C-alpha atoms as a PDB file:
ATOM      1  CA  UNK A   1     -83.239   3.021 -33.044  1.00  0.00           C
ATOM      2  CA  UNK A   2     -86.336   2.579 -35.009  1.00  0.00           C
ATOM      3  CA  UNK A   3     -87.723  -0.468 -35.610  1.00  0.00           C
ATOM      4  CA  UNK A   4     -86.704  -0.158 -39.220  1.00  0.00           C
ATOM      5  CA  UNK A   5     -83.295   0.340 -39.199  1.00  0.00           C
ATOM      6  CA  UNK A   6     -81.221  -2.197 -39.731  1.00  0.00           C
ATOM      7  CA  UNK A   7     -78.355  -3.341 -37.747  1.00  0.00           C
ATOM      8  CA  UNK A   8     -75.076  -5.379 -37.015  1.00  0.00           C
ATOM      9  CA  UNK A   9     -72.748  -5.957 -34.362  1.00  0.00           C
ATOM     10  CA  UNK A  10     -69.398  -4.162 -35.017  1.00  0.00           C
ATOM     11  CA  UNK A  11     -66.678  -7.402 -35.453  1.00  0.00           C
ATOM     12  CA  UNK A  12     -64.070  -5.115 -33.348  1.00  0.00           C
ATOM     13  CA  UNK A  13     -66.272  -3.908 -30.021  1.00  0.00           C
ATOM     14  CA  UNK A  14     -69.760  -5.803 -30.248  1.00  0.00           C
ATOM     15  CA  UNK A  15     -71.502  -2.552 -30.035  1.00  0.00           C
ATOM     16  CA  UNK A  16     -74.831  -2.594 -32.104  1.00  0.00           C
ATOM     17  CA  UNK A  17     -74.437  -0.178 -35.051  1.00  0.00           C
ATOM     18  CA  UNK A  18     -76.108   0.319 -38.457  1.00  0.00           C
ATOM     19  CA  UNK A  19     -75.563  -1.835 -41.327  1.00  0.00           C
ATOM     20  CA  UNK A  20     -74.687   1.275 -43.566  1.00  0.00           C
ATOM     21  CA  UNK A  21     -72.499   2.598 -41.184  1.00  0.00           C
ATOM     22  CA  UNK A  22     -68.547   2.575 -42.561  1.00  0.00           C
ATOM     23  CA  UNK A  23     -66.838   3.421 -39.501  1.00  0.00           C
ATOM     24  CA  UNK A  24     -68.161   1.657 -35.617  1.00  0.00           C
ATOM     25  CA  UNK A  25     -69.417   5.175 -33.874  1.00  0.00           C
ATOM     26  CA  UNK A  26     -68.181   3.334 -30.675  1.00  0.00           C
ATOM     27  CA  UNK A  27     -64.722   1.889 -32.039  1.00  0.00           C
ATOM     28  CA  UNK A  28     -63.499   4.034 -34.879  1.00  0.00           C
ATOM     29  CA  UNK A  29     -62.859   1.381 -36.531  1.00  0.00           C
ATOM     30  CA  UNK A  30     -63.659   0.786 -40.262  1.00  0.00           C
ATOM     31  CA  UNK A  31     -66.282  -1.852 -41.329  1.00  0.00           C
ATOM     32  CA  UNK A  32     -64.952  -2.614 -44.789  1.00  0.00           C
ATOM     33  CA  UNK A  33     -65.083  -6.447 -45.374  1.00  0.00           C
ATOM     34  CA  UNK A  34     -61.302  -6.260 -47.195  1.00  0.00           C
ATOM     35  CA  UNK A  35     -59.865  -3.327 -44.505  1.00  0.00           C
ATOM     36  CA  UNK A  36     -60.769  -6.533 -41.849  1.00  0.00           C
ATOM     37  CA  UNK A  37     -59.792  -9.359 -43.678  1.00  0.00           C
ATOM     38  CA  UNK A  38     -55.813  -7.329 -43.965  1.00  0.00           C
ATOM     39  CA  UNK A  39     -56.186  -6.542 -40.362  1.00  0.00           C
ATOM     40  CA  UNK A  40     -56.915  -9.924 -39.623  1.00  0.00           C
ATOM     41  CA  UNK A  41     -53.493 -11.551 -38.910  1.00  0.00           C
ATOM     42  CA  UNK A  42     -54.245 -15.147 -38.642  1.00  0.00           C
ATOM     43  CA  UNK A  43     -55.504 -14.814 -41.964  1.00  0.00           C
ATOM     44  CA  UNK A  44     -52.999 -12.959 -43.575  1.00  0.00           C
ATOM     45  CA  UNK A  45     -50.883 -15.582 -42.154  1.00  0.00           C
ATOM     46  CA  UNK A  46     -52.627 -18.731 -43.974  1.00  0.00           C
ATOM     47  CA  UNK A  47     -53.019 -16.720 -46.945  1.00  0.00           C
ATOM     48  CA  UNK A  48     -49.584 -16.194 -47.350  1.00  0.00           C
ATOM     49  CA  UNK A  49     -48.601 -19.923 -46.228  1.00  0.00           C
ATOM     50  CA  UNK A  50     -51.057 -21.022 -48.715  1.00  0.00           C
ATOM     51  CA  UNK A  51     -49.273 -19.348 -51.631  1.00  0.00           C
ATOM     52  CA  UNK A  52     -46.387 -20.167 -51.083  1.00  0.00           C
ATOM     53  CA  UNK A  53     -47.021 -24.240 -50.530  1.00  0.00           C
ATOM     54  CA  UNK A  54     -48.435 -23.453 -54.086  1.00  0.00           C
ATOM     55  CA  UNK A  55     -45.387 -22.271 -55.476  1.00  0.00           C
ATOM     56  CA  UNK A  56     -43.463 -24.660 -53.853  1.00  0.00           C
ATOM     57  CA  UNK A  57     -45.697 -27.605 -55.225  1.00  0.00           C
ATOM     58  CA  UNK A  58     -45.582 -25.998 -58.867  1.00  0.00           C
ATOM     59  CA  UNK A  59     -41.755 -26.156 -58.995  1.00  0.00           C
ATOM     60  CA  UNK A  60     -41.446 -29.295 -57.817  1.00  0.00           C
ATOM     61  CA  UNK A  61     -43.689 -30.793 -59.793  1.00  0.00           C
ATOM     62  CA  UNK A  62     -42.204 -28.704 -62.909  1.00  0.00           C
ATOM     63  CA  UNK A  63     -38.141 -29.543 -61.346  1.00  0.00           C
ATOM     64  CA  UNK A  64     -38.497 -33.000 -60.055  1.00  0.00           C
ATOM     65  CA  UNK A  65     -36.076 -33.950 -62.322  1.00  0.00           C
ATOM     66  CA  UNK A  66     -35.262 -37.949 -63.984  1.00  0.00           C
ATOM     67  CA  UNK A  67     -34.756 -41.057 -62.940  1.00  0.00           C
ATOM     68  CA  UNK A  68     -31.140 -42.350 -63.399  1.00  0.00           C
ATOM     69  CA  UNK A  69     -32.892 -46.194 -63.857  1.00  0.00           C
ATOM     70  CA  UNK A  70     -34.718 -45.278 -67.211  1.00  0.00           C
ATOM     71  CA  UNK A  71     -30.812 -44.464 -68.500  1.00  0.00           C
ATOM     72  CA  UNK A  72     -28.531 -46.653 -66.241  1.00  0.00           C
ATOM     73  CA  UNK A  73     -27.807 -48.661 -69.234  1.00  0.00           C
ATOM     74  CA  UNK A  74     -26.444 -46.056 -71.255  1.00  0.00           C
ATOM     75  CA  UNK A  75     -23.356 -44.632 -68.408  1.00  0.00           C
ATOM     76  CA  UNK A  76     -20.991 -47.176 -68.986  1.00  0.00           C
ATOM     77  CA  UNK A  77     -17.457 -47.857 -67.178  1.00  0.00           C
ATOM     78  CA  UNK A  78     -14.970 -48.445 -70.433  1.00  0.00           C
ATOM     79  CA  UNK A  79     -12.142 -49.671 -68.061  1.00  0.00           C
ATOM     80  CA  UNK A  80     -11.161 -50.090 -64.429  1.00  0.00           C
ATOM     81  CA  UNK A  81      -7.625 -50.434 -62.927  1.00  0.00           C
ATOM     82  CA  UNK A  82      -7.342 -51.016 -58.942  1.00  0.00           C
ATOM     83  CA  UNK A  83      -3.944 -49.953 -56.983  1.00  0.00           C
ATOM     84  CA  UNK A  84      -3.071 -50.527 -53.531  1.00  0.00           C
ATOM     85  CA  UNK A  85      -2.196 -47.375 -50.913  1.00  0.00           C
ATOM     86  CA  UNK A  86      -0.524 -48.256 -48.059  1.00  0.00           C
ATOM     87  CA  UNK A  87      -0.147 -45.562 -45.118  1.00  0.00           C
ATOM     88  CA  UNK A  88       0.655 -46.037 -41.440  1.00  0.00           C
ATOM     89  CA  UNK A  89      -2.879 -46.571 -40.262  1.00  0.00           C
ATOM     90  CA  UNK A  90      -4.787 -48.890 -43.161  1.00  0.00           C
ATOM     91  CA  UNK A  91      -4.243 -50.366 -46.180  1.00  0.00           C
ATOM     92  CA  UNK A  92      -6.877 -48.869 -49.180  1.00  0.00           C
ATOM     93  CA  UNK A  93      -7.955 -50.261 -52.440  1.00  0.00           C
ATOM     94  CA  UNK A  94      -7.556 -47.369 -54.940  1.00  0.00           C
ATOM     95  CA  UNK A  95     -10.447 -48.336 -58.290  1.00  0.00           C
ATOM     96  CA  UNK A  96      -9.800 -45.706 -61.018  1.00  0.00           C
ATOM     97  CA  UNK A  97     -11.018 -45.723 -64.683  1.00  0.00           C
ATOM     98  CA  UNK A  98     -12.971 -44.452 -67.417  1.00  0.00           C
ATOM     99  CA  UNK A  99     -16.694 -43.581 -67.646  1.00  0.00           C
ATOM    100  CA  UNK A 100     -19.062 -42.679 -70.864  1.00  0.00           C
ATOM    101  CA  UNK A 101     -22.200 -40.837 -70.605  1.00  0.00           C
ATOM    102  CA  UNK A 102     -24.439 -42.122 -73.799  1.00  0.00           C
ATOM    103  CA  UNK A 103     -26.743 -39.550 -72.499  1.00  0.00           C
ATOM    104  CA  UNK A 104     -28.294 -36.751 -73.229  1.00  0.00           C
ATOM    105  CA  UNK A 105     -28.496 -35.526 -69.687  1.00  0.00           C
ATOM    106  CA  UNK A 106     -25.956 -34.907 -67.085  1.00  0.00           C
ATOM    107  CA  UNK A 107     -25.793 -36.801 -63.344  1.00  0.00           C
ATOM    108  CA  UNK A 108     -24.354 -36.066 -60.298  1.00  0.00           C
ATOM    109  CA  UNK A 109     -23.557 -37.964 -57.430  1.00  0.00           C
ATOM    110  CA  UNK A 110     -22.459 -41.565 -58.949  1.00  0.00           C
ATOM    111  CA  UNK A 111     -22.711 -44.633 -57.018  1.00  0.00           C
ATOM    112  CA  UNK A 112     -20.183 -47.458 -58.310  1.00  0.00           C
ATOM    113  CA  UNK A 113     -20.243 -51.060 -57.135  1.00  0.00           C
ATOM    114  CA  UNK A 114     -17.322 -52.823 -57.531  1.00  0.00           C
ATOM    115  CA  UNK A 115     -16.439 -56.098 -58.447  1.00  0.00           C
ATOM    116  CA  UNK A 116     -13.811 -58.248 -57.529  1.00  0.00           C
ATOM    117  CA  UNK A 117     -12.385 -61.097 -59.270  1.00  0.00           C
ATOM    118  CA  UNK A 118     -10.068 -63.994 -58.833  1.00  0.00           C
ATOM    119  CA  UNK A 119      -7.441 -65.477 -61.026  1.00  0.00           C
ATOM    120  CA  UNK A 120      -9.895 -67.956 -62.168  1.00  0.00           C
ATOM    121  CA  UNK A 121     -12.309 -65.126 -63.210  1.00  0.00           C
ATOM    122  CA  UNK A 122     -14.910 -65.792 -59.825  1.00  0.00           C
ATOM    123  CA  UNK A 123     -16.457 -63.171 -58.424  1.00  0.00           C
ATOM    124  CA  UNK A 124     -15.054 -63.503 -54.539  1.00  0.00           C
ATOM    125  CA  UNK A 125     -15.948 -59.754 -52.979  1.00  0.00           C
ATOM    126  CA  UNK A 126     -18.424 -56.893 -54.281  1.00  0.00           C
ATOM    127  CA  UNK A 127     -18.116 -53.435 -52.226  1.00  0.00           C
ATOM    128  CA  UNK A 128     -19.586 -50.044 -52.931  1.00  0.00           C
ATOM    129  CA  UNK A 129     -18.053 -46.750 -53.150  1.00  0.00           C
ATOM    130  CA  UNK A 130     -19.217 -42.791 -54.420  1.00  0.00           C
ATOM    131  CA  UNK A 131     -17.870 -39.448 -56.268  1.00  0.00           C
ATOM    132  CA  UNK A 132     -19.160 -36.168 -56.263  1.00  0.00           C
ATOM    133  CA  UNK A 133     -18.749 -34.761 -59.864  1.00  0.00           C
ATOM    134  CA  UNK A 134     -20.913 -33.813 -62.706  1.00  0.00           C
ATOM    135  CA  UNK A 135     -20.853 -36.308 -65.954  1.00  0.00           C
ATOM    136  CA  UNK A 136     -21.860 -34.080 -68.283  1.00  0.00           C
ATOM    137  CA  UNK A 137     -23.624 -35.579 -71.745  1.00  0.00           C
ATOM    138  CA  UNK A 138     -22.654 -37.094 -74.227  1.00  0.00           C
ATOM    139  CA  UNK A 139     -18.709 -37.202 -72.511  1.00  0.00           C
ATOM    140  CA  UNK A 140     -16.233 -39.297 -70.825  1.00  0.00           C
ATOM    141  CA  UNK A 141     -14.846 -38.842 -67.243  1.00  0.00           C
ATOM    142  CA  UNK A 142     -12.548 -40.410 -65.018  1.00  0.00           C
ATOM    143  CA  UNK A 143     -12.863 -41.659 -61.791  1.00  0.00           C
ATOM    144  CA  UNK A 144     -11.226 -42.550 -58.824  1.00  0.00           C
ATOM    145  CA  UNK A 145     -12.561 -44.394 -55.699  1.00  0.00           C
ATOM    146  CA  UNK A 146     -10.618 -45.460 -52.700  1.00  0.00           C
ATOM    147  CA  UNK A 147     -12.327 -48.123 -50.739  1.00  0.00           C
ATOM    148  CA  UNK A 148     -10.781 -47.182 -46.812  1.00  0.00           C
ATOM    149  CA  UNK A 149      -9.271 -50.085 -45.213  1.00  0.00           C
ATOM    150  CA  UNK A 150      -9.156 -52.729 -47.382  1.00  0.00           C
ATOM    151  CA  UNK A 151      -6.514 -55.074 -48.391  1.00  0.00           C
ATOM    152  CA  UNK A 152      -6.142 -56.368 -51.687  1.00  0.00           C
ATOM    153  CA  UNK A 153      -6.284 -59.579 -51.477  1.00  0.00           C
ATOM    154  CA  UNK A 154      -3.811 -61.910 -53.579  1.00  0.00           C
ATOM    155  CA  UNK A 155      -6.484 -63.881 -55.329  1.00  0.00           C
ATOM    156  CA  UNK A 156      -7.932 -60.438 -56.641  1.00  0.00           C
ATOM    157  CA  UNK A 157      -6.072 -60.672 -59.985  1.00  0.00           C
ATOM    158  CA  UNK A 158      -9.290 -57.973 -61.766  1.00  0.00           C
ATOM    159  CA  UNK A 159     -11.614 -55.823 -60.885  1.00  0.00           C
ATOM    160  CA  UNK A 160     -14.770 -54.135 -62.598  1.00  0.00           C
ATOM    161  CA  UNK A 161     -16.892 -51.128 -61.610  1.00  0.00           C
ATOM    162  CA  UNK A 162     -20.368 -50.047 -62.500  1.00  0.00           C
ATOM    163  CA  UNK A 163     -22.590 -47.243 -62.113  1.00  0.00           C
ATOM    164  CA  UNK A 164     -25.733 -48.006 -60.392  1.00  0.00           C
ATOM    165  CA  UNK A 165     -26.754 -44.889 -59.056  1.00  0.00           C
ATOM    166  CA  UNK A 166     -26.672 -41.265 -60.208  1.00  0.00           C
ATOM    167  CA  UNK A 167     -28.928 -37.793 -59.403  1.00  0.00           C
ATOM    168  CA  UNK A 168     -30.401 -35.279 -61.715  1.00  0.00           C
ATOM    169  CA  UNK A 169     -28.979 -31.956 -60.849  1.00  0.00           C
ATOM    170  CA  UNK A 170     -31.788 -30.516 -61.627  1.00  0.00           C
ATOM    171  CA  UNK A 171     -33.378 -32.284 -58.847  1.00  0.00           C
ATOM    172  CA  UNK A 172     -34.213 -30.771 -55.543  1.00  0.00           C
END
């Protein structure tokens, strides 16, 4: 080759070729940057992963959902009752009642705290339970909690339930 000609090394076969060559005369591979980029599998996988990661991050940031703690005082249990369910294997307490949603948002997977009181109004026991239904905005909904293997103490005169947690249905 003449001294004034500019050369480069083919990235595919490592032969010295002219800089202006569009196809290597030795291995017949294209010297185009974009074609080499697409052919390079690791760069394609990396770029695809980066695009997917950006998409998931964007969706997550847009659809994070709201926190129930900001609205817990507006989701209220209106009344609570209890009953005993005796089976062959266990004695269960059934707590049921009505609750209202005074927010403009729906809530899923409600978590309840149940407090039992004696005849004097003293708190004697606390337990928790959950219910999987959707509480629609500005609506009322009945609930039923089965507290398994728990006997009703004769001293339990009343019961009160509170909604302690809920999940935004739009949350991932």
